[in-house]
Amino acid sequence: SPVHGRGVFALRTLREGELLVEYKGKRMGWR
């Protein structure tokens, strides 16, 4: 990314309201 490190880029036109992805990862408490 020219903004910071890696980035995510559209490979085709995406429409307003289009569901793109679920944010995944390990769930835990902030501490």
PDB file of all heavy atoms in Angstrom:
ATOM      1  N   SER A   1       0.829  -1.208   0.000  1.00  0.00           N
ATOM      2  CA  SER A   1       0.000   0.000   0.000  1.00  0.00           C
ATOM      3  C   SER A   1       0.863   1.257   0.000  1.00  0.00           C
ATOM      4  O   SER A   1       1.850   1.327   0.730  1.00  0.00           O
ATOM      5  CB  SER A   1      -0.881   0.012   1.257  1.00  0.00           C
ATOM      6  OG  SER A   1      -1.481   1.280   1.431  1.00  0.00           O
ATOM      7  N   PRO A   2       0.469   2.264  -0.760  1.00  0.00           N
ATOM      8  CA  PRO A   2       1.187   3.539  -0.697  1.00  0.00           C
ATOM      9  C   PRO A   2       0.885   4.300   0.608  1.00  0.00           C
ATOM     10  O   PRO A   2       1.598   5.236   0.953  1.00  0.00           O
ATOM     11  CB  PRO A   2       0.667   4.307  -1.914  1.00  0.00           C
ATOM     12  CG  PRO A   2      -0.658   3.709  -2.208  1.00  0.00           C
ATOM     13  CD  PRO A   2      -0.579   2.269  -1.772  1.00  0.00           C
ATOM     14  N   VAL A   3      -0.138   3.867   1.328  1.00  0.00           N
ATOM     15  CA  VAL A   3      -0.519   4.528   2.577  1.00  0.00           C
ATOM     16  C   VAL A   3       0.270   3.959   3.749  1.00  0.00           C
ATOM     17  O   VAL A   3       0.835   4.694   4.554  1.00  0.00           O
ATOM     18  CB  VAL A   3      -2.044   4.402   2.825  1.00  0.00           C
ATOM     19  CG1 VAL A   3      -2.425   4.953   4.189  1.00  0.00           C
ATOM     20  CG2 VAL A   3      -2.810   5.112   1.730  1.00  0.00           C
ATOM     21  N   HIS A   4       0.297   2.619   3.867  1.00  0.00           N
ATOM     22  CA  HIS A   4       1.011   1.992   4.979  1.00  0.00           C
ATOM     23  C   HIS A   4       1.127   0.494   4.766  1.00  0.00           C
ATOM     24  O   HIS A   4       0.109  -0.191   4.639  1.00  0.00           O
ATOM     25  CB  HIS A   4       0.258   2.257   6.290  1.00  0.00           C
ATOM     26  CG  HIS A   4       0.950   1.708   7.487  1.00  0.00           C
ATOM     27  ND1 HIS A   4       0.559   0.545   8.091  1.00  0.00           N
ATOM     28  CD2 HIS A   4       2.016   2.153   8.179  1.00  0.00           C
ATOM     29  CE1 HIS A   4       1.345   0.300   9.126  1.00  0.00           C
ATOM     30  NE2 HIS A   4       2.246   1.261   9.192  1.00  0.00           N
ATOM     31  N   GLY A   5       2.331  -0.027   4.737  1.00  0.00           N
ATOM     32  CA  GLY A   5       2.566  -1.473   4.675  1.00  0.00           C
ATOM     33  C   GLY A   5       1.786  -2.171   3.586  1.00  0.00           C
ATOM     34  O   GLY A   5       1.850  -1.812   2.422  1.00  0.00           O
ATOM     35  N   ARG A   6       1.000  -3.147   4.014  1.00  0.00           N
ATOM     36  CA  ARG A   6       0.119  -3.857   3.092  1.00  0.00           C
ATOM     37  C   ARG A   6      -1.258  -3.216   3.124  1.00  0.00           C
ATOM     38  O   ARG A   6      -1.652  -2.607   4.112  1.00  0.00           O
ATOM     39  CB  ARG A   6      -0.003  -5.321   3.498  1.00  0.00           C
ATOM     40  CG  ARG A   6       1.258  -6.105   3.305  1.00  0.00           C
ATOM     41  CD  ARG A   6       1.030  -7.542   3.675  1.00  0.00           C
ATOM     42  NE  ARG A   6       2.233  -8.315   3.488  1.00  0.00           N
ATOM     43  CZ  ARG A   6       2.403  -9.526   3.935  1.00  0.00           C
ATOM     44  NH1 ARG A   6       1.434 -10.125   4.604  1.00  0.00           N
ATOM     45  NH2 ARG A   6       3.520 -10.159   3.724  1.00  0.00           N
ATOM     46  N   GLY A   7      -2.004  -3.421   2.056  1.00  0.00           N
ATOM     47  CA  GLY A   7      -3.371  -2.930   1.968  1.00  0.00           C
ATOM     48  C   GLY A   7      -4.208  -3.907   1.170  1.00  0.00           C
ATOM     49  O   GLY A   7      -3.693  -4.862   0.584  1.00  0.00           O
ATOM     50  N   VAL A   8      -5.508  -3.656   1.139  1.00  0.00           N
ATOM     51  CA  VAL A   8      -6.449  -4.498   0.406  1.00  0.00           C
ATOM     52  C   VAL A   8      -6.986  -3.668  -0.766  1.00  0.00           C
ATOM     53  O   VAL A   8      -7.427  -2.533  -0.558  1.00  0.00           O
ATOM     54  CB  VAL A   8      -7.598  -4.973   1.323  1.00  0.00           C
ATOM     55  CG1 VAL A   8      -8.559  -5.857   0.552  1.00  0.00           C
ATOM     56  CG2 VAL A   8      -7.045  -5.706   2.547  1.00  0.00           C
ATOM     57  N   PHE A   9      -6.961  -4.241  -1.955  1.00  0.00           N
ATOM     58  CA  PHE A   9      -7.332  -3.510  -3.163  1.00  0.00           C
ATOM     59  C   PHE A   9      -8.432  -4.232  -3.922  1.00  0.00           C
ATOM     60  O   PHE A   9      -8.403  -5.457  -4.049  1.00  0.00           O
ATOM     61  CB  PHE A   9      -6.105  -3.345  -4.070  1.00  0.00           C
ATOM     62  CG  PHE A   9      -5.051  -2.465  -3.467  1.00  0.00           C
ATOM     63  CD1 PHE A   9      -4.158  -2.975  -2.539  1.00  0.00           C
ATOM     64  CD2 PHE A   9      -4.980  -1.126  -3.804  1.00  0.00           C
ATOM     65  CE1 PHE A   9      -3.191  -2.167  -1.961  1.00  0.00           C
ATOM     66  CE2 PHE A   9      -4.027  -0.314  -3.233  1.00  0.00           C
ATOM     67  CZ  PHE A   9      -3.125  -0.832  -2.310  1.00  0.00           C
ATOM     68  N   ALA A  10      -9.378  -3.448  -4.446  1.00  0.00           N
ATOM     69  CA  ALA A  10     -10.492  -3.999  -5.221  1.00  0.00           C
ATOM     70  C   ALA A  10      -9.989  -4.512  -6.565  1.00  0.00           C
ATOM     71  O   ALA A  10      -9.261  -3.817  -7.268  1.00  0.00           O
ATOM     72  CB  ALA A  10     -11.555  -2.928  -5.439  1.00  0.00           C
ATOM     73  N   LEU A  11     -10.375  -5.744  -6.908  1.00  0.00           N
ATOM     74  CA  LEU A  11     -10.026  -6.329  -8.203  1.00  0.00           C
ATOM     75  C   LEU A  11     -11.136  -6.137  -9.230  1.00  0.00           C
ATOM     76  O   LEU A  11     -10.952  -6.440 -10.408  1.00  0.00           O
ATOM     77  CB  LEU A  11      -9.715  -7.820  -8.043  1.00  0.00           C
ATOM     78  CG  LEU A  11      -8.492  -8.145  -7.191  1.00  0.00           C
ATOM     79  CD1 LEU A  11      -8.353  -9.666  -7.034  1.00  0.00           C
ATOM     80  CD2 LEU A  11      -7.229  -7.535  -7.788  1.00  0.00           C
ATOM     81  N   ARG A  12     -12.274  -5.681  -8.745  1.00  0.00           N
ATOM     82  CA  ARG A  12     -13.402  -5.351  -9.616  1.00  0.00           C
ATOM     83  C   ARG A  12     -14.206  -4.281  -8.899  1.00  0.00           C
ATOM     84  O   ARG A  12     -13.967  -3.988  -7.735  1.00  0.00           O
ATOM     85  CB  ARG A  12     -14.254  -6.578  -9.914  1.00  0.00           C
ATOM     86  CG  ARG A  12     -14.963  -7.160  -8.690  1.00  0.00           C
ATOM     87  CD  ARG A  12     -16.119  -8.065  -9.135  1.00  0.00           C
ATOM     88  NE  ARG A  12     -16.789  -8.739  -8.064  1.00  0.00           N
ATOM     89  CZ  ARG A  12     -17.735  -8.209  -7.281  1.00  0.00           C
ATOM     90  NH1 ARG A  12     -18.093  -6.953  -7.410  1.00  0.00           N
ATOM     91  NH2 ARG A  12     -18.325  -8.933  -6.352  1.00  0.00           N
ATOM     92  N   THR A  13     -15.172  -3.693  -9.575  1.00  0.00           N
ATOM     93  CA  THR A  13     -16.030  -2.700  -8.939  1.00  0.00           C
ATOM     94  C   THR A  13     -16.838  -3.376  -7.834  1.00  0.00           C
ATOM     95  O   THR A  13     -17.397  -4.453  -8.033  1.00  0.00           O
ATOM     96  CB  THR A  13     -16.981  -2.054  -9.963  1.00  0.00           C
ATOM     97  OG1 THR A  13     -16.197  -1.391 -10.958  1.00  0.00           O
ATOM     98  CG2 THR A  13     -17.921  -1.064  -9.315  1.00  0.00           C
ATOM     99  N   LEU A  14     -16.848  -2.735  -6.682  1.00  0.00           N
ATOM    100  CA  LEU A  14     -17.627  -3.211  -5.532  1.00  0.00           C
ATOM    101  C   LEU A  14     -18.765  -2.225  -5.323  1.00  0.00           C
ATOM    102  O   LEU A  14     -18.554  -1.012  -5.373  1.00  0.00           O
ATOM    103  CB  LEU A  14     -16.746  -3.274  -4.287  1.00  0.00           C
ATOM    104  CG  LEU A  14     -15.458  -4.099  -4.422  1.00  0.00           C
ATOM    105  CD1 LEU A  14     -14.574  -3.913  -3.206  1.00  0.00           C
ATOM    106  CD2 LEU A  14     -15.792  -5.567  -4.638  1.00  0.00           C
ATOM    107  N   ARG A  15     -19.951  -2.724  -5.095  1.00  0.00           N
ATOM    108  CA  ARG A  15     -21.124  -1.872  -4.949  1.00  0.00           C
ATOM    109  C   ARG A  15     -21.392  -1.509  -3.495  1.00  0.00           C
ATOM    110  O   ARG A  15     -21.137  -2.311  -2.587  1.00  0.00           O
ATOM    111  CB  ARG A  15     -22.362  -2.559  -5.540  1.00  0.00           C
ATOM    112  CG  ARG A  15     -22.243  -2.793  -7.024  1.00  0.00           C
ATOM    113  CD  ARG A  15     -22.247  -1.475  -7.775  1.00  0.00           C
ATOM    114  NE  ARG A  15     -21.944  -1.681  -9.178  1.00  0.00           N
ATOM    115  CZ  ARG A  15     -21.367  -0.777  -9.935  1.00  0.00           C
ATOM    116  NH1 ARG A  15     -21.045   0.389  -9.447  1.00  0.00           N
ATOM    117  NH2 ARG A  15     -21.125  -1.020 -11.187  1.00  0.00           N
ATOM    118  N   GLU A  16     -21.905  -0.316  -3.284  1.00  0.00           N
ATOM    119  CA  GLU A  16     -22.269   0.134  -1.950  1.00  0.00           C
ATOM    120  C   GLU A  16     -23.154  -0.913  -1.272  1.00  0.00           C
ATOM    121  O   GLU A  16     -24.090  -1.439  -1.882  1.00  0.00           O
ATOM    122  CB  GLU A  16     -23.024   1.466  -2.016  1.00  0.00           C
ATOM    123  CG  GLU A  16     -23.422   1.993  -0.663  1.00  0.00           C
ATOM    124  CD  GLU A  16     -24.109   3.342  -0.738  1.00  0.00           C
ATOM    125  OE1 GLU A  16     -24.121   3.969  -1.821  1.00  0.00           O
ATOM    126  OE2 GLU A  16     -24.647   3.769   0.299  1.00  0.00           O
ATOM    127  N   GLY A  17     -22.811  -1.254  -0.024  1.00  0.00           N
ATOM    128  CA  GLY A  17     -23.567  -2.234   0.733  1.00  0.00           C
ATOM    129  C   GLY A  17     -23.151  -3.674   0.496  1.00  0.00           C
ATOM    130  O   GLY A  17     -23.617  -4.581   1.192  1.00  0.00           O
ATOM    131  N   GLU A  18     -22.252  -3.907  -0.463  1.00  0.00           N
ATOM    132  CA  GLU A  18     -21.803  -5.270  -0.753  1.00  0.00           C
ATOM    133  C   GLU A  18     -20.979  -5.804   0.425  1.00  0.00           C
ATOM    134  O   GLU A  18     -20.020  -5.165   0.864  1.00  0.00           O
ATOM    135  CB  GLU A  18     -20.963  -5.273  -2.032  1.00  0.00           C
ATOM    136  CG  GLU A  18     -20.542  -6.652  -2.483  1.00  0.00           C
ATOM    137  CD  GLU A  18     -19.805  -6.633  -3.836  1.00  0.00           C
ATOM    138  OE1 GLU A  18     -19.922  -5.650  -4.594  1.00  0.00           O
ATOM    139  OE2 GLU A  18     -19.118  -7.635  -4.104  1.00  0.00           O
ATOM    140  N   LEU A  19     -21.360  -6.964   0.921  1.00  0.00           N
ATOM    141  CA  LEU A  19     -20.628  -7.618   1.997  1.00  0.00           C
ATOM    142  C   LEU A  19     -19.325  -8.156   1.425  1.00  0.00           C
ATOM    143  O   LEU A  19     -19.334  -8.897   0.435  1.00  0.00           O
ATOM    144  CB  LEU A  19     -21.452  -8.749   2.602  1.00  0.00           C
ATOM    145  CG  LEU A  19     -20.846  -9.473   3.782  1.00  0.00           C
ATOM    146  CD1 LEU A  19     -20.610  -8.531   4.953  1.00  0.00           C
ATOM    147  CD2 LEU A  19     -21.759 -10.613   4.213  1.00  0.00           C
ATOM    148  N   LEU A  20     -18.200  -7.783   2.032  1.00  0.00           N
ATOM    149  CA  LEU A  20     -16.909  -8.144   1.478  1.00  0.00           C
ATOM    150  C   LEU A  20     -16.222  -9.287   2.207  1.00  0.00           C
ATOM    151  O   LEU A  20     -15.705 -10.207   1.575  1.00  0.00           O
ATOM    152  CB  LEU A  20     -15.980  -6.917   1.477  1.00  0.00           C
ATOM    153  CG  LEU A  20     -16.523  -5.703   0.726  1.00  0.00           C
ATOM    154  CD1 LEU A  20     -15.583  -4.526   0.870  1.00  0.00           C
ATOM    155  CD2 LEU A  20     -16.777  -6.048  -0.732  1.00  0.00           C
ATOM    156  N   VAL A  21     -16.190  -9.225   3.539  1.00  0.00           N
ATOM    157  CA  VAL A  21     -15.414 -10.212   4.287  1.00  0.00           C
ATOM    158  C   VAL A  21     -15.766 -10.123   5.768  1.00  0.00           C
ATOM    159  O   VAL A  21     -16.192  -9.079   6.252  1.00  0.00           O
ATOM    160  CB  VAL A  21     -13.895  -9.970   4.065  1.00  0.00           C
ATOM    161  CG1 VAL A  21     -13.430  -8.647   4.635  1.00  0.00           C
ATOM    162  CG2 VAL A  21     -13.048 -11.114   4.581  1.00  0.00           C
ATOM    163  N   GLU A  22     -15.579 -11.229   6.466  1.00  0.00           N
ATOM    164  CA  GLU A  22     -15.682 -11.230   7.920  1.00  0.00           C
ATOM    165  C   GLU A  22     -14.280 -10.998   8.482  1.00  0.00           C
ATOM    166  O   GLU A  22     -13.307 -11.554   7.971  1.00  0.00           O
ATOM    167  CB  GLU A  22     -16.223 -12.571   8.435  1.00  0.00           C
ATOM    168  CG  GLU A  22     -16.317 -12.629   9.945  1.00  0.00           C
ATOM    169  CD  GLU A  22     -16.834 -13.952  10.486  1.00  0.00           C
ATOM    170  OE1 GLU A  22     -17.238 -14.821   9.676  1.00  0.00           O
ATOM    171  OE2 GLU A  22     -16.843 -14.123  11.709  1.00  0.00           O
ATOM    172  N   TYR A  23     -14.178 -10.175   9.526  1.00  0.00           N
ATOM    173  CA  TYR A  23     -12.895  -9.956  10.192  1.00  0.00           C
ATOM    174  C   TYR A  23     -12.656 -11.153  11.109  1.00  0.00           C
ATOM    175  O   TYR A  23     -13.417 -11.399  12.031  1.00  0.00           O
ATOM    176  CB  TYR A  23     -12.907  -8.657  11.005  1.00  0.00           C
ATOM    177  CG  TYR A  23     -11.523  -8.237  11.438  1.00  0.00           C
ATOM    178  CD1 TYR A  23     -10.778  -7.363  10.661  1.00  0.00           C
ATOM    179  CD2 TYR A  23     -10.951  -8.732  12.595  1.00  0.00           C
ATOM    180  CE1 TYR A  23      -9.497  -6.986  11.029  1.00  0.00           C
ATOM    181  CE2 TYR A  23      -9.668  -8.369  12.968  1.00  0.00           C
ATOM    182  CZ  TYR A  23      -8.955  -7.494  12.189  1.00  0.00           C
ATOM    183  OH  TYR A  23      -7.679  -7.135  12.560  1.00  0.00           O
ATOM    184  N   LYS A  24     -11.609 -11.909  10.835  1.00  0.00           N
ATOM    185  CA  LYS A  24     -11.348 -13.145  11.576  1.00  0.00           C
ATOM    186  C   LYS A  24     -10.090 -13.015  12.423  1.00  0.00           C
ATOM    187  O   LYS A  24      -9.226 -12.198  12.145  1.00  0.00           O
ATOM    188  CB  LYS A  24     -11.175 -14.316  10.613  1.00  0.00           C
ATOM    189  CG  LYS A  24     -12.396 -14.591   9.778  1.00  0.00           C
ATOM    190  CD  LYS A  24     -12.854 -15.960  10.026  1.00  0.00           C
ATOM    191  CE  LYS A  24     -14.073 -16.250   9.158  1.00  0.00           C
ATOM    192  NZ  LYS A  24     -14.579 -17.540   9.428  1.00  0.00           N
ATOM    193  N   GLY A  25     -10.009 -13.874  13.426  1.00  0.00           N
ATOM    194  CA  GLY A  25      -8.842 -13.925  14.290  1.00  0.00           C
ATOM    195  C   GLY A  25      -9.216 -14.543  15.620  1.00  0.00           C
ATOM    196  O   GLY A  25     -10.371 -14.918  15.858  1.00  0.00           O
ATOM    197  N   LYS A  26      -8.236 -14.649  16.489  1.00  0.00           N
ATOM    198  CA  LYS A  26      -8.439 -15.224  17.814  1.00  0.00           C
ATOM    199  C   LYS A  26      -9.189 -14.213  18.692  1.00  0.00           C
ATOM    200  O   LYS A  26      -8.865 -13.037  18.719  1.00  0.00           O
ATOM    201  CB  LYS A  26      -7.088 -15.563  18.450  1.00  0.00           C
ATOM    202  CG  LYS A  26      -7.214 -16.253  19.776  1.00  0.00           C
ATOM    203  CD  LYS A  26      -5.859 -16.686  20.294  1.00  0.00           C
ATOM    204  CE  LYS A  26      -6.011 -17.390  21.632  1.00  0.00           C
ATOM    205  NZ  LYS A  26      -4.713 -17.787  22.171  1.00  0.00           N
ATOM    206  N   ARG A  27     -10.187 -14.722  19.421  1.00  0.00           N
ATOM    207  CA  ARG A  27     -10.980 -13.883  20.321  1.00  0.00           C
ATOM    208  C   ARG A  27     -10.434 -14.019  21.735  1.00  0.00           C
ATOM    209  O   ARG A  27     -10.153 -15.119  22.196  1.00  0.00           O
ATOM    210  CB  ARG A  27     -12.439 -14.306  20.300  1.00  0.00           C
ATOM    211  CG  ARG A  27     -13.085 -14.033  18.969  1.00  0.00           C
ATOM    212  CD  ARG A  27     -14.389 -14.804  18.806  1.00  0.00           C
ATOM    213  NE  ARG A  27     -14.909 -14.602  17.488  1.00  0.00           N
ATOM    214  CZ  ARG A  27     -15.727 -13.602  17.160  1.00  0.00           C
ATOM    215  NH1 ARG A  27     -16.139 -12.760  18.064  1.00  0.00           N
ATOM    216  NH2 ARG A  27     -16.144 -13.470  15.910  1.00  0.00           N
ATOM    217  N   MET A  28     -10.298 -12.869  22.407  1.00  0.00           N
ATOM    218  CA  MET A  28      -9.768 -12.865  23.772  1.00  0.00           C
ATOM    219  C   MET A  28     -10.123 -11.551  24.452  1.00  0.00           C
ATOM    220  O   MET A  28     -10.616 -10.630  23.800  1.00  0.00           O
ATOM    221  CB  MET A  28      -8.250 -13.052  23.736  1.00  0.00           C
ATOM    222  CG  MET A  28      -7.517 -11.923  23.017  1.00  0.00           C
ATOM    223  SD  MET A  28      -5.744 -12.197  22.865  1.00  0.00           S
ATOM    224  CE  MET A  28      -5.714 -13.263  21.447  1.00  0.00           C
ATOM    225  N   GLY A  29      -9.856 -11.479  25.738  1.00  0.00           N
ATOM    226  CA  GLY A  29     -10.041 -10.237  26.466  1.00  0.00           C
ATOM    227  C   GLY A  29      -8.928  -9.255  26.113  1.00  0.00           C
ATOM    228  O   GLY A  29      -7.839  -9.663  25.689  1.00  0.00           O
ATOM    229  N   TRP A  30      -9.202  -7.965  26.299  1.00  0.00           N
ATOM    230  CA  TRP A  30      -8.194  -6.943  25.979  1.00  0.00           C
ATOM    231  C   TRP A  30      -6.909  -7.168  26.762  1.00  0.00           C
ATOM    232  O   TRP A  30      -5.809  -7.018  26.234  1.00  0.00           O
ATOM    233  CB  TRP A  30      -8.739  -5.550  26.263  1.00  0.00           C
ATOM    234  CG  TRP A  30      -9.529  -5.000  25.127  1.00  0.00           C
ATOM    235  CD1 TRP A  30     -10.886  -4.886  25.048  1.00  0.00           C
ATOM    236  CD2 TRP A  30      -9.022  -4.482  23.893  1.00  0.00           C
ATOM    237  NE1 TRP A  30     -11.243  -4.344  23.834  1.00  0.00           N
ATOM    238  CE2 TRP A  30     -10.122  -4.080  23.114  1.00  0.00           C
ATOM    239  CE3 TRP A  30      -7.740  -4.329  23.371  1.00  0.00           C
ATOM    240  CZ2 TRP A  30      -9.980  -3.526  21.854  1.00  0.00           C
ATOM    241  CZ3 TRP A  30      -7.590  -3.774  22.112  1.00  0.00           C
ATOM    242  CH2 TRP A  30      -8.715  -3.390  21.363  1.00  0.00           C
ATOM    243  N   ARG A  31      -7.029  -7.495  28.025  1.00  0.00           N
ATOM    244  CA  ARG A  31      -5.837  -7.692  28.868  1.00  0.00           C
ATOM    245  C   ARG A  31      -4.949  -8.796  28.279  1.00  0.00           C
ATOM    246  O   ARG A  31      -3.743  -8.648  28.190  1.00  0.00           O
ATOM    247  CB  ARG A  31      -6.262  -8.035  30.292  1.00  0.00           C
ATOM    248  CG  ARG A  31      -5.138  -8.010  31.285  1.00  0.00           C
ATOM    249  CD  ARG A  31      -5.659  -8.283  32.669  1.00  0.00           C
ATOM    250  NE  ARG A  31      -6.890  -7.556  32.913  1.00  0.00           N
ATOM    251  CZ  ARG A  31      -7.151  -6.831  33.978  1.00  0.00           C
ATOM    252  NH1 ARG A  31      -6.281  -6.757  34.937  1.00  0.00           N
ATOM    253  NH2 ARG A  31      -8.301  -6.210  34.115  1.00  0.00           N
TER     254      ARG A  31
END
